[in-house]
Protein backbone atom coordinates (compact mmCIF):
# COMPACT_ATOMS: atom_id res chain seq x y z
CA MET A 1 8.19 23.37 -15.55
CA GLY A 2 6.61 24.03 -12.17
CA ARG A 3 4.16 21.94 -10.20
CA ILE A 4 1.19 22.73 -7.97
CA TYR A 5 0.68 20.63 -4.83
CA PHE A 6 -2.70 20.28 -3.16
CA GLN A 7 -3.08 19.30 0.51
CA ARG A 8 -6.54 18.61 1.91
CA GLY A 9 -8.02 17.56 5.24
CA SER A 10 -10.97 18.01 7.57
CA ALA A 11 -9.85 16.62 10.93
CA GLN A 12 -9.32 18.85 13.92
CA GLY A 13 -5.61 18.01 13.99
CA TYR A 14 -5.20 19.19 10.39
CA LYS A 15 -7.00 22.45 11.14
CA ALA A 16 -4.89 22.96 14.27
CA ASN A 17 -1.66 22.47 12.31
CA ILE A 18 -2.74 25.02 9.72
CA ALA A 19 -3.59 27.49 12.47
CA ARG A 20 -0.21 26.89 14.12
CA THR A 21 2.18 27.14 11.15
CA LEU A 22 0.30 28.61 8.16
CA SER A 23 -2.06 31.22 9.54
CA SER A 24 0.88 33.17 10.98
CA PRO A 25 4.53 33.00 9.94
CA LEU A 26 7.45 31.64 11.96
CA SER A 27 9.81 34.60 11.34
CA PRO A 28 9.53 35.37 7.59
CA VAL A 29 8.58 31.85 6.55
CA PHE A 30 5.80 29.35 6.98
CA VAL A 31 6.26 25.61 7.48
CA TRP A 32 4.41 22.38 6.72
CA GLY A 33 5.00 18.65 7.25
CA THR A 34 4.26 15.59 5.14
CA LYS A 35 4.31 11.91 6.04
CA SER A 36 6.56 9.35 4.38
CA ARG A 37 3.79 7.78 2.28
CA GLN A 38 3.91 10.93 0.13
CA HIS A 39 7.51 10.27 -0.93
CA VAL A 40 6.51 9.90 -4.60
CA GLU A 41 5.19 13.47 -4.66
CA ILE A 42 7.97 14.90 -2.48
CA GLU A 43 10.62 13.50 -4.85
CA THR A 44 9.30 15.79 -7.61
CA MET A 45 8.91 18.88 -5.40
CA LYS A 46 11.32 21.76 -5.94
CA THR A 47 11.85 25.35 -4.88
CA GLY A 48 9.41 27.73 -6.57
CA ASP A 49 6.54 25.25 -6.82
CA LEU A 50 3.11 26.22 -5.49
CA ALA A 51 1.22 24.67 -2.56
CA VAL A 52 -2.54 25.01 -2.00
CA PHE A 53 -4.15 24.00 1.31
CA ILE A 54 -7.78 22.86 1.33
CA VAL A 55 -9.99 22.56 4.42
CA GLU A 56 -13.33 20.73 4.23
CA GLY A 57 -13.35 21.03 0.44
CA ASN A 58 -12.58 24.75 0.19
CA PRO A 59 -9.15 26.32 -0.49
CA LEU A 60 -7.83 28.28 2.51
CA HIS A 61 -4.16 29.22 1.89
CA PHE A 62 -1.55 29.07 -0.85
CA GLY A 63 2.16 29.79 -0.89
CA THR A 64 5.47 29.31 -2.70
CA ILE A 65 7.72 26.43 -1.64
CA SER A 66 11.17 27.66 -0.63
CA ILE A 67 13.05 24.91 1.29
CA ILE A 68 12.43 21.14 1.27
CA LEU A 69 13.87 18.83 3.93
CA ALA A 70 13.39 15.37 2.41
CA ASP A 71 15.49 12.21 2.17
CA ASP A 72 18.68 14.21 1.62
CA ALA A 73 18.38 15.61 5.17
CA PRO A 74 18.95 13.39 8.26
CA LEU A 75 15.71 11.85 9.51
CA GLU A 76 16.56 12.77 13.11
CA ILE A 77 16.66 16.46 12.21
CA ARG A 78 13.35 16.29 10.37
CA GLN A 79 11.64 14.44 13.21
CA ALA A 80 13.07 16.87 15.76
CA LEU A 81 11.62 19.77 13.76
CA SER A 82 8.29 17.97 13.54
CA ASP A 83 8.27 17.40 17.28
CA GLU A 84 9.15 21.03 17.97
CA LEU A 85 6.60 22.51 15.57
CA TRP A 86 3.63 20.16 15.95
CA GLY A 87 4.29 18.21 19.14
CA GLU A 88 4.85 14.85 17.41
CA ASN A 89 7.68 13.48 15.30
CA VAL A 90 5.63 11.59 12.71
CA TRP A 91 6.20 14.10 9.88
CA GLU A 92 9.15 12.65 7.98
CA TYR A 93 9.31 15.51 5.46
CA VAL A 94 9.32 19.18 6.42
CA TRP A 95 9.11 22.02 3.92
CA PHE A 96 9.01 25.80 4.18
CA LEU A 97 6.94 28.33 2.26
CA THR A 98 7.00 32.06 1.57
CA ASP A 99 4.32 34.50 0.44
CA VAL A 100 1.50 32.52 2.08
CA LYS A 101 -1.83 34.22 1.37
CA ALA A 102 -5.50 33.59 1.96
CA VAL A 103 -7.29 32.14 -1.05
CA GLY A 104 -9.82 34.41 -2.70
CA VAL A 105 -11.84 31.72 -4.49
CA LYS A 106 -14.25 28.99 -3.55
CA LYS A 107 -14.16 25.33 -4.50
CA PRO A 108 -15.95 25.63 -7.90
CA ASP A 109 -13.58 28.37 -9.03
CA LEU A 110 -10.55 26.41 -7.84
CA GLU A 111 -11.75 23.43 -9.86
CA ARG A 112 -12.10 25.61 -12.96
CA LEU A 113 -8.51 26.81 -12.52
CA LEU A 114 -7.42 23.23 -12.07
CA GLY A 115 -9.50 21.90 -14.95
CA ARG A 116 -10.83 18.95 -12.99
CA THR A 117 -12.78 18.25 -9.84
CA LEU A 118 -11.03 17.82 -6.50
CA ALA A 119 -12.66 14.40 -6.22
CA ASP A 120 -11.01 13.46 -9.52
CA LEU A 121 -7.67 14.82 -8.35
CA PHE A 122 -7.51 13.12 -4.96
CA GLY A 123 -9.49 9.95 -5.53
CA PRO A 124 -11.42 8.43 -2.63
CA TYR A 125 -8.67 8.57 0.02
CA GLY A 126 -5.83 10.76 -1.23
CA THR A 127 -4.83 13.84 0.77
CA PHE A 128 -1.76 15.12 -1.09
CA ARG A 129 -1.38 15.38 -4.85
CA GLY A 130 0.86 17.26 -7.29
CA VAL A 131 0.00 18.44 -10.82
CA ASP A 132 2.24 19.86 -13.54
CA GLU A 133 1.32 23.47 -14.30
CA ARG A 134 0.72 22.65 -17.97
CA ASP A 135 -1.88 20.06 -17.00
CA THR A 136 -4.11 22.69 -15.36
CA ALA A 137 -6.71 24.82 -17.10
CA ALA A 138 -4.76 27.93 -16.01
CA GLY A 139 -1.74 26.65 -17.93
CA SER A 140 1.01 28.21 -15.78
CA LEU A 141 1.96 28.89 -12.16
CA ALA A 142 1.64 32.64 -12.71
CA ALA A 143 -1.90 32.35 -14.06
CA PHE A 144 -2.87 29.95 -11.28
CA VAL A 145 -1.51 32.30 -8.59
CA ALA A 146 -3.29 35.27 -10.15
CA GLY A 147 -6.57 33.39 -10.18
CA LEU A 148 -6.17 32.30 -6.54
CA ALA A 149 -5.16 35.73 -5.26
CA LYS A 150 -7.74 37.81 -7.02
CA GLY A 151 -10.57 35.34 -7.11
CA ILE A 152 -11.06 36.13 -10.79
CA VAL A 153 -11.60 33.05 -12.90
CA SER A 154 -12.67 33.32 -16.51
CA ALA A 155 -15.73 31.37 -17.59
CA GLN A 156 -14.70 27.96 -18.89
CA GLU A 157 -16.08 24.52 -19.39
CA PRO A 158 -17.12 22.64 -16.25
CA PRO A 159 -14.26 20.70 -14.66
CA ARG A 160 -13.56 17.57 -16.64
CA VAL A 161 -13.30 14.21 -14.93
CA ARG A 162 -10.34 12.27 -16.27
CA PRO A 163 -10.89 8.54 -16.49
CA GLU A 164 -7.21 7.61 -16.47
CA ALA A 165 -5.63 6.17 -13.33
CA ALA A 166 -3.20 9.04 -12.75
CA LEU A 167 -4.96 9.73 -9.47
CA ASP A 168 -2.78 7.14 -7.79
CA PRO A 169 0.96 7.85 -8.24
CA ASP A 170 1.99 4.56 -6.64
CA LEU A 171 -0.22 2.59 -9.02
CA GLU A 172 1.24 4.51 -11.96
CA ARG A 173 4.73 3.66 -10.74
CA LEU A 174 3.82 -0.04 -10.47
CA LYS A 175 2.42 0.07 -14.01
CA THR A 176 5.70 1.53 -15.24
CA LEU A 177 7.66 -1.25 -13.52
CA LEU A 178 5.37 -3.96 -14.89
CA GLU A 179 5.54 -2.58 -18.42
CA ALA A 180 9.33 -2.44 -18.25
CA ARG A 181 10.00 -5.92 -16.82
CA LYS A 182 6.69 -7.65 -17.60
CA GLN A 183 6.95 -9.63 -14.34
CA ILE A 184 6.61 -8.25 -10.82
CA ILE A 185 6.11 -9.71 -7.34
CA LEU A 186 4.37 -7.73 -4.60
CA TYR A 187 5.70 -9.01 -1.29
CA GLY A 188 5.12 -8.12 2.33
CA PRO A 189 3.56 -9.18 5.64
CA PRO A 190 -0.01 -10.52 5.86
CA GLY A 191 -2.80 -8.00 5.48
CA THR A 192 -0.96 -5.33 3.48
CA GLY A 193 -3.31 -5.53 0.47
CA LYS A 194 -1.02 -7.40 -1.92
CA THR A 195 -3.75 -9.36 -3.73
CA TYR A 196 -6.05 -6.34 -3.85
CA ARG A 197 -3.23 -4.24 -5.29
CA ALA A 198 -2.36 -6.94 -7.81
CA ILE A 199 -5.95 -6.95 -9.10
CA GLN A 200 -5.93 -3.14 -9.22
CA LEU A 201 -2.72 -3.20 -11.20
CA ALA A 202 -4.05 -5.77 -13.65
CA GLU A 203 -7.23 -3.76 -14.21
CA ALA A 204 -5.27 -0.53 -14.60
CA MET A 205 -3.21 -1.79 -17.53
CA ALA A 206 -4.15 0.32 -20.56
CA GLY A 207 -6.39 -1.14 -23.21
CA GLY A 208 -8.63 -3.14 -20.93
CA ALA A 209 -6.30 -5.96 -19.96
CA HIS A 210 -7.68 -9.47 -19.56
CA HIS A 211 -6.54 -11.04 -16.33
CA GLU A 212 -6.74 -14.43 -14.70
CA ILE A 213 -5.96 -15.46 -11.12
CA VAL A 214 -4.39 -18.67 -9.88
CA GLN A 215 -3.15 -19.49 -6.40
CA PHE A 216 -0.05 -21.58 -5.84
CA HIS A 217 -0.01 -24.18 -3.05
CA PRO A 218 2.12 -27.23 -2.18
CA SER A 219 0.15 -29.57 -4.47
CA TYR A 220 0.03 -27.20 -7.47
CA THR A 221 1.99 -28.61 -10.43
CA TYR A 222 3.65 -27.85 -13.75
CA GLU A 223 0.95 -29.90 -15.42
CA GLU A 224 -1.76 -27.54 -14.15
CA PHE A 225 0.14 -24.34 -14.94
CA VAL A 226 1.94 -25.08 -18.23
CA ILE A 227 1.11 -28.39 -19.91
CA GLY A 228 0.31 -31.92 -18.79
CA ILE A 229 -1.16 -35.27 -19.76
CA ARG A 230 -4.75 -36.20 -19.00
CA PRO A 231 -6.64 -39.47 -19.58
CA VAL A 232 -9.60 -39.26 -21.95
CA THR A 233 -11.99 -41.93 -23.20
CA GLN A 234 -12.31 -42.31 -26.96
CA ASN A 235 -14.30 -45.16 -28.54
CA GLY A 236 -14.43 -46.96 -25.22
CA GLN A 237 -10.66 -46.84 -24.76
CA VAL A 238 -8.60 -44.70 -22.43
CA GLN A 239 -6.00 -42.54 -24.12
CA PHE A 240 -3.58 -39.98 -22.75
CA VAL A 241 -3.48 -36.59 -24.45
CA THR A 242 -1.60 -33.37 -23.77
CA VAL A 243 -3.69 -30.61 -22.20
CA SER A 244 -2.61 -26.97 -21.90
CA GLY A 245 -2.36 -25.50 -18.44
CA THR A 246 -3.70 -22.16 -17.24
CA PHE A 247 -0.70 -20.08 -18.29
CA LYS A 248 -0.24 -21.69 -21.70
CA LYS A 249 -3.95 -21.11 -22.44
CA LEU A 250 -3.48 -17.44 -21.57
CA CYS A 251 -0.47 -17.22 -23.89
CA ASP A 252 -2.41 -18.87 -26.72
CA ARG A 253 -5.21 -16.31 -26.32
CA ALA A 254 -2.68 -13.47 -26.24
CA LYS A 255 -1.21 -14.57 -29.58
CA LEU A 256 -4.66 -14.34 -31.17
CA GLU A 257 -5.23 -10.82 -29.78
CA PRO A 258 -1.86 -9.03 -30.04
CA SER A 259 -3.43 -5.60 -29.51
CA SER A 260 -4.78 -6.57 -26.08
CA ARG A 261 -2.93 -7.11 -22.82
CA PHE A 262 -3.21 -10.27 -20.75
CA VAL A 263 -2.22 -10.48 -17.10
CA MET A 264 -1.66 -13.62 -15.03
CA ILE A 265 -1.99 -12.99 -11.28
CA ILE A 266 -0.28 -15.67 -9.18
CA ASP A 267 -1.46 -15.34 -5.60
CA GLU A 268 0.77 -16.74 -2.84
CA ILE A 269 3.48 -17.54 -5.38
CA ASN A 270 5.95 -18.62 -2.70
CA ARG A 271 3.67 -21.37 -1.35
CA GLY A 272 4.29 -23.52 -4.43
CA ASN A 273 7.44 -25.27 -5.61
CA ILE A 274 8.31 -22.46 -8.00
CA PRO A 275 11.13 -24.05 -10.06
CA LYS A 276 9.06 -27.23 -10.49
CA ILE A 277 5.86 -25.37 -11.46
CA PHE A 278 7.54 -22.94 -13.87
CA GLY A 279 9.92 -25.41 -15.50
CA GLU A 280 10.99 -24.06 -18.90
CA LEU A 281 8.99 -20.86 -18.34
CA LEU A 282 11.97 -19.38 -16.46
CA PHE A 283 13.66 -19.26 -19.86
CA ALA A 284 10.57 -18.33 -21.86
CA ILE A 285 9.56 -15.31 -19.76
CA GLU A 286 13.06 -13.82 -20.03
CA TYR A 287 13.74 -14.55 -23.71
CA ARG A 288 10.34 -13.87 -25.15
CA ASN A 289 11.49 -13.82 -28.76
CA LYS A 290 12.85 -17.36 -28.50
CA GLY A 291 10.79 -20.50 -28.15
CA VAL A 292 11.38 -23.31 -25.67
CA ARG A 293 10.50 -26.97 -26.15
CA LEU A 294 7.92 -28.19 -23.65
CA GLN A 295 7.62 -31.47 -21.84
CA TYR A 296 4.94 -33.95 -22.97
CA THR A 297 5.05 -32.79 -26.60
CA SER A 298 6.26 -35.11 -29.35
CA ASP A 299 6.42 -32.58 -32.18
CA ASP A 300 8.59 -29.52 -32.66
CA THR A 301 6.11 -27.19 -30.96
CA HIS A 302 7.85 -24.51 -28.93
CA LEU A 303 6.28 -22.19 -26.37
CA THR A 304 6.90 -18.47 -26.70
CA VAL A 305 5.49 -15.98 -24.20
CA PRO A 306 4.05 -13.02 -26.16
CA ASP A 307 5.07 -9.47 -25.29
CA ASN A 308 1.46 -8.67 -24.37
CA VAL A 309 1.50 -11.15 -21.45
CA TYR A 310 2.33 -9.86 -17.96
CA ILE A 311 2.79 -11.71 -14.67
CA ILE A 312 1.97 -10.32 -11.21
CA GLY A 313 2.82 -12.44 -8.19
CA THR A 314 2.03 -11.90 -4.53
CA MET A 315 4.14 -13.23 -1.68
CA ASN A 316 3.46 -13.38 2.05
CA THR A 317 6.79 -12.88 3.83
CA ALA A 318 5.42 -14.33 7.07
CA ASP A 319 5.19 -17.70 5.30
CA ARG A 320 8.59 -17.60 3.69
CA SER A 321 11.38 -15.03 3.62
CA ILE A 322 12.09 -13.30 0.33
CA ALA A 323 15.70 -14.37 0.86
CA LEU A 324 14.66 -17.98 0.16
CA ILE A 325 13.20 -17.25 -3.28
CA ASP A 326 14.96 -19.10 -6.10
CA VAL A 327 17.73 -16.90 -7.52
CA ALA A 328 16.77 -17.71 -11.13
CA LEU A 329 13.22 -16.52 -10.46
CA ARG A 330 14.37 -13.42 -8.59
CA ARG A 331 16.47 -12.33 -11.58
CA ARG A 332 13.44 -12.42 -13.88
CA PHE A 333 11.04 -10.43 -11.68
CA TYR A 334 10.92 -6.96 -10.23
CA PHE A 335 10.08 -7.01 -6.52
CA GLU A 336 7.96 -4.38 -4.77
CA GLU A 337 7.61 -4.41 -1.00
CA MET A 338 4.27 -3.58 0.57
CA ARG A 339 4.34 -2.48 4.20
CA PRO A 340 1.61 -1.60 6.72
CA ASP A 341 0.36 1.87 5.81
CA TYR A 342 -0.69 3.64 8.99
CA ASP A 343 -1.46 6.96 7.26
CA PHE A 344 -3.77 5.31 4.76
CA LEU A 345 -5.43 3.35 7.57
CA GLU A 346 -6.03 6.58 9.49
CA GLU A 347 -7.61 8.25 6.45
CA TRP A 348 -9.76 5.20 5.68
CA VAL A 349 -11.02 4.80 9.26
CA ARG A 350 -11.74 8.51 9.53
CA LYS A 351 -13.83 8.37 6.36
CA ASN A 352 -15.62 5.10 7.16
CA SER A 353 -16.02 5.42 10.93
CA GLY A 354 -15.06 8.72 12.53
CA ASP A 355 -12.39 10.70 14.31
CA GLU A 356 -12.38 8.66 17.53
CA MET A 357 -11.47 5.36 15.90
CA ALA A 358 -9.08 7.09 13.49
CA GLU A 359 -7.06 8.20 16.49
CA VAL A 360 -7.05 4.76 18.13
CA VAL A 361 -6.77 2.10 15.42
CA PRO A 362 -3.57 3.20 13.59
CA LYS A 363 -1.78 3.82 16.89
CA LEU A 364 -2.83 0.38 18.16
CA LEU A 365 -1.52 -1.35 15.04
CA GLN A 366 1.71 0.65 15.02
CA THR A 367 2.39 -0.22 18.66
CA ILE A 368 1.79 -3.94 18.11
CA ASN A 369 3.99 -3.96 15.02
CA ALA A 370 6.85 -2.16 16.71
CA ARG A 371 6.96 -4.92 19.32
CA ILE A 372 6.66 -7.72 16.73
CA SER A 373 9.56 -6.22 14.76
CA ARG A 374 11.71 -6.23 17.87
CA LEU A 375 10.78 -9.73 19.02
CA VAL A 376 10.54 -11.55 15.66
CA ASP A 377 11.33 -9.53 12.53
CA ARG A 378 9.77 -7.00 10.17
CA ASP A 379 8.38 -9.76 7.91
CA HIS A 380 5.86 -10.83 10.57
CA VAL A 381 4.19 -7.50 11.32
CA ILE A 382 0.44 -7.17 10.81
CA GLY A 383 -1.05 -5.35 7.83
CA HIS A 384 -3.52 -2.49 7.91
CA THR A 385 -6.28 -4.37 6.08
CA TYR A 386 -7.05 -6.41 9.20
CA PHE A 387 -8.65 -3.23 10.57
CA MET A 388 -10.26 -1.91 7.39
CA LYS A 389 -13.79 -2.91 8.36
CA ARG A 390 -16.46 -0.51 7.24
CA GLY A 391 -18.11 1.25 10.16
CA ILE A 392 -15.47 -0.02 12.58
CA ASP A 393 -16.27 0.84 16.19
CA TRP A 394 -15.11 -0.51 19.54
CA SER A 395 -17.25 -3.62 19.16
CA ILE A 396 -15.89 -4.44 15.70
CA LEU A 397 -12.36 -3.68 16.85
CA GLN A 398 -12.83 -6.05 19.79
CA THR A 399 -13.96 -8.82 17.44
CA ALA A 400 -10.95 -8.24 15.17
CA MET A 401 -8.54 -8.34 18.11
CA TYR A 402 -9.89 -11.52 19.70
CA HIS A 403 -10.65 -13.49 16.55
CA GLU A 404 -7.95 -12.35 14.10
CA ILE A 405 -5.04 -10.50 15.71
CA ILE A 406 -4.59 -12.46 18.95
CA PRO A 407 -4.83 -15.92 17.27
CA LEU A 408 -2.18 -14.80 14.77
CA LEU A 409 0.07 -13.59 17.60
CA GLN A 410 -0.47 -16.87 19.47
CA GLU A 411 0.86 -18.67 16.41
CA TYR A 412 3.86 -16.33 16.16
CA PHE A 413 4.69 -16.81 19.84
CA TYR A 414 3.71 -20.43 20.32
CA ASN A 415 4.90 -21.60 23.74
CA GLU A 416 6.51 -18.18 24.34
CA PRO A 417 4.11 -16.46 26.76
CA GLN A 418 6.64 -13.83 27.81
CA LYS A 419 6.82 -12.46 24.28
CA LEU A 420 3.05 -12.62 23.80
CA ARG A 421 2.60 -10.61 27.00
CA THR A 422 5.22 -8.11 25.85
CA VAL A 423 3.26 -7.46 22.64
CA LEU A 424 -0.27 -7.39 24.08
CA GLY A 425 0.32 -6.05 27.57
CA THR A 426 -1.30 -7.04 30.84
CA GLY A 427 -4.77 -6.01 29.66
CA PHE A 428 -4.90 -9.05 27.34
CA VAL A 429 -2.49 -11.55 28.94
CA LEU A 430 -2.72 -12.49 32.60
CA GLU A 431 0.32 -12.25 34.84
CA LEU A 432 2.66 -15.16 34.29
CA LYS A 433 2.93 -17.84 36.94
CA GLU A 434 6.23 -19.24 38.09
CA GLU A 435 7.24 -22.04 35.72
CA SER A 436 8.48 -24.10 38.63
CA GLU A 437 5.02 -23.93 40.13
CA LEU A 438 3.27 -25.14 36.98
CA GLY A 439 5.93 -27.36 35.50
CA GLY A 440 6.26 -25.36 32.26
CA SER A 441 5.31 -22.22 30.34
CA PHE A 442 1.87 -20.89 31.13
CA TYR A 443 -0.26 -17.92 30.24
CA GLU A 444 -3.94 -17.12 30.19
CA LEU A 445 -5.71 -14.62 27.97
CA VAL A 446 -8.05 -12.19 29.66
CA PRO A 447 -11.45 -13.33 28.36
CA ASN A 448 -13.44 -11.39 25.80
CA ARG A 449 -15.58 -9.03 27.85
CA GLY A 450 -17.50 -5.76 27.84
CA ILE A 451 -16.57 -2.74 25.75
CA SER A 452 -15.46 -0.62 28.73
CA GLU A 453 -13.01 -3.31 29.89
CA PHE A 454 -11.81 -3.75 26.31
CA LYS A 455 -11.08 -0.03 26.05
CA ASP A 456 -9.05 -0.29 29.26
CA ALA A 457 -7.13 -3.24 27.79
CA VAL A 458 -6.29 -1.25 24.64
CA ALA A 459 -5.15 1.69 26.75
CA SER A 460 -3.01 -0.72 28.77
CA LEU A 461 -1.51 -2.17 25.57
CA LEU A 462 -0.58 1.29 24.30
CA ALA A 463 1.00 2.21 27.62
CA PHE A 464 2.53 -1.14 28.55
CA SER A 465 6.28 -1.60 28.42
CA GLU A 466 8.72 -4.10 29.77
CA SER A 467 12.33 -3.03 29.88
CA PRO A 468 14.17 -4.63 28.35
CA LEU A 469 11.85 -6.30 25.84
CA VAL A 470 11.84 -10.05 26.27
CA THR A 471 13.85 -11.52 23.39
CA ARG A 472 14.85 -14.93 24.63
C-alpha cells in the first residue's frame, strides 16, 4: 500500500527552496529536505510513494519518491548534501523525486481528492503529513495522480472533517505506548511542554477519558495519594478513620465505570519521594489482576488497579537526572524524552508573530542551548515554550530574556561568571575584572535597555565565541 505525503509552507525560504530544487531538475531527479522532527513520517516513507507540495494553501508540484536518505545513511553525508543544495545543513533527511509536475488543480479540488480539508490534515501547526492511499477519497495512488495531473475531479461530497486525533502522529504514538504499558513518564528539560503534552494525551484517550492532576513535592505523602488516617469528631469525641487518597478514589471510580478510561497525571513526579508515596502501588500497577493489602486497613480489603486506569507522569531533568529514578519505578513505566523543538517553535512564531521573529527566536534558543550542553549537560537546556508568547516581538523577547532566561542561567552558573559570559556573550555580561583586583569572582549584567541596544546584544550573543569554551 502506498502513501501520499503533503508538504506545505508560506515563508520566503520555503518558496526559495522549491524554486531551487523542485521547479527545475538536478540532472534527471529533483530533491527535497526534511527536518528531524518529521522522523515519524519519514520512517514510513518508501520508494514509489507520492509527494505533494503546497504553497500558501494551493498545490504547486507533485512527484514520485525515488531515493530516501534517512537514519540508515550517515548524518554527515545528509547534512553535507543539505549544505550544498540549500546553503544550510539543518535538513537531516534528504529525499529525491522523479516525474515532478505542476499541479493542475486548486485547493478545493485537492481537498476533494483527499477527502478532507487541509486544515484537518495538518492541524494548526503541522507542515508535513502522510496519508495511506486507501484513506483518501481517490482510493489509490494512480487515481490521485490522475486527478492532480489532469485537474479532473469528479463531484463528491464536501471534504469531511475527521474528529479523531490522527492529525498528530507523535500524539498517536504516545497513545499507543500508554495503552500498551498503562504508565508513562514524559521527561526532559524545563519548558519543553511536558505538562501540556500530558494533558493533551489524557484528553486524547478514546472514549472521553476522565483525568485528574496532582503534583508531587517534598511534603507529599502516601497518605494523600493512596490511603491514610484522619481525625474526625463523632459525638463530641475524636476518632481516627481511614480516608482514601487521590489515586485510590480514582481507582474506585474506575471500577464503577469499567467502560470509561481514567487517567492520573502526576506533575513533577521526581520532586516527591516516589517509593514512599507509591508504597504497595509499585506492585499493584504491574500486577493489575492481583490485589495488594494496604496500610491502615484492618480488614482483608485489597487494592487492585483496574485496567481502565492510566498514569502519566512528568519529570523535569534539570531538577533531578533520570538516572536517579528508582529502578523499581523505572521498570514499571515507559519513558518518553521531550526535547526543545526548534522547528515547531519557528512554525509557531511565524504564525503568531511574523517572519522576522521566526528567523531570530529559534536561532537564539538553539545557540544558547548548544553552549549550555557543552558547559553543563543536555538535561539543563531551555525549552521552546519559554518563547511561545503570542504576538512575540522584540519587546516581549527582551522581557523573556531578562526576567526568565537570564535568571535561570544565573542559577545554573552561580558564582561561575566565565561560563555565564560564554553562554550570553559580551552584549549581556560585562567584561570580567581581574579576580585579584576584586578579591573574588565578579560579573555585571548589562542593564535592561532600549530595543535597539537589545537587538545589538542578541546579535552579539549569536556571533560571540570564546575558544575554547570555558569548562572549568
